[in-house]
Amino acid sequence: MVVGIGIMTFRLHDCRSLKGKRKIVKSIIARLRNQFNASVAEIGANDVYHQAEIGVSLVGNDRQVINSKLDKLFNMADSLGLAEMIDTELEIINI
């Protein structure tokens, strides 16, 4: 079994409140869940309205497939244009 874990950090330029941040983050999470059938959640920077940290995980049998899906997921999240992706982390674990 292979587990892929990704962390994306975003800068939210147009947010002036936590309410505005929540709207953008929920939109990103919903689109990624629907497109990739992945576990997606906000995992950090909860009280900072101009930054968001979103974590994703995928489970499968093939390391290359998981790596490819996470790369596509990162690219889609960046291309949504809702926020500027400033950092990504990727880890793939064989269990």
N, C-alpha and C. Protein backbone atom coordinates (compact mmCIF):
# COMPACT_ATOMS: atom_id res chain seq x y z
N MET A 1 0.85 -1.18 0.00
CA MET A 1 0.00 0.00 0.00
C MET A 1 0.90 1.24 0.00
N VAL A 2 0.49 2.23 -0.76
CA VAL A 2 1.23 3.48 -0.88
C VAL A 2 0.32 4.63 -0.44
N VAL A 3 0.86 5.49 0.41
CA VAL A 3 0.13 6.67 0.89
C VAL A 3 0.87 7.91 0.42
N GLY A 4 0.16 8.78 -0.27
CA GLY A 4 0.72 10.06 -0.71
C GLY A 4 0.14 11.19 0.10
N ILE A 5 1.02 12.03 0.63
CA ILE A 5 0.60 13.15 1.47
C ILE A 5 1.16 14.43 0.86
N GLY A 6 0.31 15.42 0.70
CA GLY A 6 0.74 16.71 0.16
C GLY A 6 0.26 17.85 1.02
N ILE A 7 1.08 18.87 1.13
CA ILE A 7 0.72 20.09 1.86
C ILE A 7 0.96 21.27 0.94
N MET A 8 -0.06 22.11 0.81
CA MET A 8 0.02 23.31 -0.02
C MET A 8 -0.18 24.54 0.85
N THR A 9 0.66 25.53 0.66
CA THR A 9 0.51 26.79 1.38
C THR A 9 0.14 27.87 0.36
N PHE A 10 -0.90 28.61 0.70
CA PHE A 10 -1.42 29.65 -0.20
C PHE A 10 -1.35 31.02 0.46
N ARG A 11 -1.15 32.04 -0.37
CA ARG A 11 -1.27 33.43 0.06
C ARG A 11 -2.56 33.96 -0.54
N LEU A 12 -3.40 34.54 0.32
CA LEU A 12 -4.71 35.06 -0.11
C LEU A 12 -4.62 36.58 -0.15
N HIS A 13 -4.48 37.14 -1.33
CA HIS A 13 -4.24 38.57 -1.47
C HIS A 13 -5.48 39.42 -1.22
N ASP A 14 -6.64 38.96 -1.62
CA ASP A 14 -7.84 39.79 -1.56
C ASP A 14 -8.67 39.59 -0.30
N CYS A 15 -8.19 38.82 0.65
CA CYS A 15 -8.96 38.57 1.87
C CYS A 15 -8.71 39.66 2.90
N ARG A 16 -9.80 40.07 3.52
CA ARG A 16 -9.71 41.07 4.58
C ARG A 16 -10.26 40.53 5.90
N SER A 17 -10.75 39.27 5.89
CA SER A 17 -11.32 38.70 7.10
C SER A 17 -11.24 37.17 7.03
N LEU A 18 -11.46 36.54 8.18
CA LEU A 18 -11.49 35.08 8.22
C LEU A 18 -12.68 34.52 7.44
N LYS A 19 -13.76 35.29 7.38
CA LYS A 19 -14.94 34.87 6.62
C LYS A 19 -14.60 34.78 5.13
N GLY A 20 -13.88 35.76 4.61
CA GLY A 20 -13.46 35.73 3.21
C GLY A 20 -12.51 34.58 2.94
N LYS A 21 -11.60 34.34 3.88
CA LYS A 21 -10.66 33.22 3.75
C LYS A 21 -11.42 31.91 3.70
N ARG A 22 -12.37 31.74 4.59
CA ARG A 22 -13.14 30.49 4.67
C ARG A 22 -13.84 30.19 3.34
N LYS A 23 -14.37 31.22 2.70
CA LYS A 23 -15.05 31.04 1.41
C LYS A 23 -14.09 30.52 0.35
N ILE A 24 -12.91 31.09 0.27
CA ILE A 24 -11.91 30.68 -0.72
C ILE A 24 -11.41 29.27 -0.43
N VAL A 25 -11.08 29.00 0.84
CA VAL A 25 -10.54 27.69 1.21
C VAL A 25 -11.57 26.59 0.96
N LYS A 26 -12.82 26.84 1.32
CA LYS A 26 -13.86 25.83 1.08
C LYS A 26 -14.04 25.56 -0.41
N SER A 27 -13.92 26.58 -1.23
CA SER A 27 -14.03 26.40 -2.67
C SER A 27 -12.88 25.54 -3.21
N ILE A 28 -11.66 25.82 -2.77
CA ILE A 28 -10.51 25.03 -3.21
C ILE A 28 -10.67 23.58 -2.77
N ILE A 29 -11.04 23.37 -1.52
CA ILE A 29 -11.19 22.01 -0.98
C ILE A 29 -12.26 21.24 -1.74
N ALA A 30 -13.40 21.86 -1.99
CA ALA A 30 -14.50 21.18 -2.69
C ALA A 30 -14.09 20.77 -4.10
N ARG A 31 -13.42 21.66 -4.81
CA ARG A 31 -13.01 21.34 -6.18
C ARG A 31 -12.00 20.21 -6.22
N LEU A 32 -11.05 20.21 -5.29
CA LEU A 32 -10.04 19.15 -5.26
C LEU A 32 -10.67 17.81 -4.88
N ARG A 33 -11.57 17.82 -3.90
CA ARG A 33 -12.25 16.57 -3.51
C ARG A 33 -13.05 15.99 -4.68
N ASN A 34 -13.78 16.85 -5.37
CA ASN A 34 -14.62 16.37 -6.47
C ASN A 34 -13.80 15.85 -7.64
N GLN A 35 -12.72 16.53 -7.97
CA GLN A 35 -11.92 16.17 -9.14
C GLN A 35 -11.06 14.93 -8.90
N PHE A 36 -10.48 14.80 -7.69
CA PHE A 36 -9.48 13.76 -7.45
C PHE A 36 -9.91 12.69 -6.45
N ASN A 37 -11.08 12.82 -5.85
CA ASN A 37 -11.55 11.88 -4.84
C ASN A 37 -10.48 11.68 -3.76
N ALA A 38 -9.94 12.77 -3.28
CA ALA A 38 -8.87 12.76 -2.28
C ALA A 38 -9.40 13.28 -0.95
N SER A 39 -8.70 12.93 0.11
CA SER A 39 -8.98 13.52 1.41
C SER A 39 -8.30 14.88 1.44
N VAL A 40 -9.06 15.93 1.68
CA VAL A 40 -8.54 17.29 1.65
C VAL A 40 -9.07 18.05 2.85
N ALA A 41 -8.19 18.80 3.54
CA ALA A 41 -8.63 19.57 4.71
C ALA A 41 -7.69 20.75 4.92
N GLU A 42 -8.22 21.80 5.55
CA GLU A 42 -7.38 22.91 5.99
C GLU A 42 -6.65 22.44 7.24
N ILE A 43 -5.32 22.55 7.24
CA ILE A 43 -4.55 21.97 8.34
C ILE A 43 -3.73 22.97 9.13
N GLY A 44 -3.65 24.20 8.69
CA GLY A 44 -2.83 25.16 9.41
C GLY A 44 -3.20 26.58 9.09
N ALA A 45 -2.56 27.51 9.78
CA ALA A 45 -2.78 28.95 9.61
C ALA A 45 -4.26 29.29 9.76
N ASN A 46 -4.91 28.66 10.73
CA ASN A 46 -6.36 28.83 10.89
C ASN A 46 -6.77 30.25 11.29
N ASP A 47 -5.94 30.94 12.03
CA ASP A 47 -6.30 32.26 12.52
C ASP A 47 -5.64 33.39 11.73
N VAL A 48 -5.04 33.07 10.61
CA VAL A 48 -4.37 34.07 9.77
C VAL A 48 -5.19 34.22 8.49
N TYR A 49 -5.79 35.38 8.29
CA TYR A 49 -6.74 35.54 7.18
C TYR A 49 -6.07 35.67 5.81
N HIS A 50 -4.79 35.95 5.74
CA HIS A 50 -4.13 36.13 4.45
C HIS A 50 -3.29 34.92 4.02
N GLN A 51 -3.39 33.82 4.77
CA GLN A 51 -2.62 32.62 4.43
C GLN A 51 -3.46 31.38 4.74
N ALA A 52 -3.28 30.33 3.94
CA ALA A 52 -4.00 29.07 4.16
C ALA A 52 -3.06 27.90 3.91
N GLU A 53 -3.24 26.85 4.68
CA GLU A 53 -2.47 25.63 4.51
C GLU A 53 -3.47 24.48 4.36
N ILE A 54 -3.37 23.78 3.24
CA ILE A 54 -4.31 22.71 2.92
C ILE A 54 -3.52 21.42 2.74
N GLY A 55 -4.00 20.36 3.38
CA GLY A 55 -3.37 19.05 3.28
C GLY A 55 -4.23 18.10 2.47
N VAL A 56 -3.57 17.21 1.72
CA VAL A 56 -4.27 16.20 0.92
C VAL A 56 -3.62 14.85 1.13
N SER A 57 -4.41 13.80 0.97
CA SER A 57 -3.84 12.45 1.02
C SER A 57 -4.56 11.55 0.03
N LEU A 58 -3.79 10.64 -0.54
CA LEU A 58 -4.29 9.64 -1.47
C LEU A 58 -3.69 8.29 -1.09
N VAL A 59 -4.45 7.23 -1.28
CA VAL A 59 -3.99 5.87 -0.99
C VAL A 59 -4.16 5.04 -2.26
N GLY A 60 -3.17 4.20 -2.54
CA GLY A 60 -3.25 3.34 -3.71
C GLY A 60 -2.22 2.24 -3.66
N ASN A 61 -2.06 1.56 -4.79
CA ASN A 61 -1.12 0.44 -4.88
C ASN A 61 0.17 0.80 -5.60
N ASP A 62 0.13 1.83 -6.43
CA ASP A 62 1.26 2.16 -7.30
C ASP A 62 1.83 3.53 -6.95
N ARG A 63 3.10 3.57 -6.62
CA ARG A 63 3.77 4.81 -6.23
C ARG A 63 3.73 5.86 -7.35
N GLN A 64 3.94 5.44 -8.58
CA GLN A 64 3.96 6.38 -9.71
C GLN A 64 2.58 7.00 -9.94
N VAL A 65 1.53 6.21 -9.77
CA VAL A 65 0.17 6.73 -9.95
C VAL A 65 -0.15 7.77 -8.88
N ILE A 66 0.20 7.48 -7.64
CA ILE A 66 -0.04 8.42 -6.54
C ILE A 66 0.74 9.70 -6.77
N ASN A 67 2.01 9.58 -7.15
CA ASN A 67 2.84 10.75 -7.42
C ASN A 67 2.25 11.60 -8.54
N SER A 68 1.82 10.94 -9.61
CA SER A 68 1.22 11.64 -10.75
C SER A 68 -0.06 12.37 -10.35
N LYS A 69 -0.92 11.70 -9.58
CA LYS A 69 -2.18 12.33 -9.16
C LYS A 69 -1.93 13.53 -8.25
N LEU A 70 -0.96 13.41 -7.35
CA LEU A 70 -0.66 14.54 -6.47
C LEU A 70 -0.09 15.71 -7.27
N ASP A 71 0.75 15.43 -8.26
CA ASP A 71 1.27 16.50 -9.12
C ASP A 71 0.13 17.20 -9.86
N LYS A 72 -0.80 16.43 -10.40
CA LYS A 72 -1.95 17.01 -11.10
C LYS A 72 -2.82 17.81 -10.13
N LEU A 73 -2.98 17.30 -8.91
CA LEU A 73 -3.77 18.00 -7.90
C LEU A 73 -3.13 19.35 -7.56
N PHE A 74 -1.81 19.35 -7.36
CA PHE A 74 -1.10 20.60 -7.08
C PHE A 74 -1.26 21.59 -8.23
N ASN A 75 -1.12 21.10 -9.46
CA ASN A 75 -1.25 21.97 -10.63
C ASN A 75 -2.65 22.55 -10.74
N MET A 76 -3.67 21.73 -10.47
CA MET A 76 -5.04 22.23 -10.55
C MET A 76 -5.29 23.28 -9.47
N ALA A 77 -4.83 23.01 -8.25
CA ALA A 77 -5.03 23.96 -7.15
C ALA A 77 -4.39 25.30 -7.49
N ASP A 78 -3.22 25.26 -8.11
CA ASP A 78 -2.53 26.49 -8.48
C ASP A 78 -3.24 27.20 -9.63
N SER A 79 -3.79 26.43 -10.57
CA SER A 79 -4.41 27.03 -11.74
C SER A 79 -5.83 27.55 -11.48
N LEU A 80 -6.41 27.25 -10.33
CA LEU A 80 -7.75 27.75 -10.03
C LEU A 80 -7.79 29.27 -9.98
N GLY A 81 -6.68 29.88 -9.59
CA GLY A 81 -6.61 31.34 -9.55
C GLY A 81 -7.28 31.96 -8.34
N LEU A 82 -7.67 31.15 -7.37
CA LEU A 82 -8.33 31.68 -6.18
C LEU A 82 -7.34 32.22 -5.16
N ALA A 83 -6.13 31.68 -5.19
CA ALA A 83 -5.08 32.10 -4.26
C ALA A 83 -3.73 31.77 -4.88
N GLU A 84 -2.69 32.43 -4.40
CA GLU A 84 -1.34 32.20 -4.90
C GLU A 84 -0.69 31.07 -4.10
N MET A 85 -0.30 30.00 -4.78
CA MET A 85 0.39 28.91 -4.11
C MET A 85 1.84 29.32 -3.89
N ILE A 86 2.27 29.34 -2.64
CA ILE A 86 3.63 29.79 -2.35
C ILE A 86 4.56 28.66 -1.93
N ASP A 87 4.00 27.49 -1.57
CA ASP A 87 4.85 26.37 -1.16
C ASP A 87 4.07 25.07 -1.28
N THR A 88 4.80 24.00 -1.60
CA THR A 88 4.21 22.66 -1.59
C THR A 88 5.19 21.69 -0.96
N GLU A 89 4.65 20.68 -0.32
CA GLU A 89 5.44 19.58 0.22
C GLU A 89 4.77 18.30 -0.21
N LEU A 90 5.56 17.29 -0.54
CA LEU A 90 5.04 16.02 -1.01
C LEU A 90 5.83 14.90 -0.35
N GLU A 91 5.10 13.92 0.18
CA GLU A 91 5.75 12.74 0.76
C GLU A 91 4.95 11.52 0.35
N ILE A 92 5.66 10.49 -0.08
CA ILE A 92 5.03 9.23 -0.45
C ILE A 92 5.63 8.14 0.42
N ILE A 93 4.74 7.38 1.07
CA ILE A 93 5.16 6.38 2.05
C ILE A 93 4.68 5.01 1.58
N ASN A 94 5.58 4.04 1.57
CA ASN A 94 5.21 2.65 1.31
C ASN A 94 4.94 1.97 2.64
N ILE A 95 3.77 1.35 2.75
CA ILE A 95 3.42 0.67 4.00
C ILE A 95 3.31 -0.82 3.73
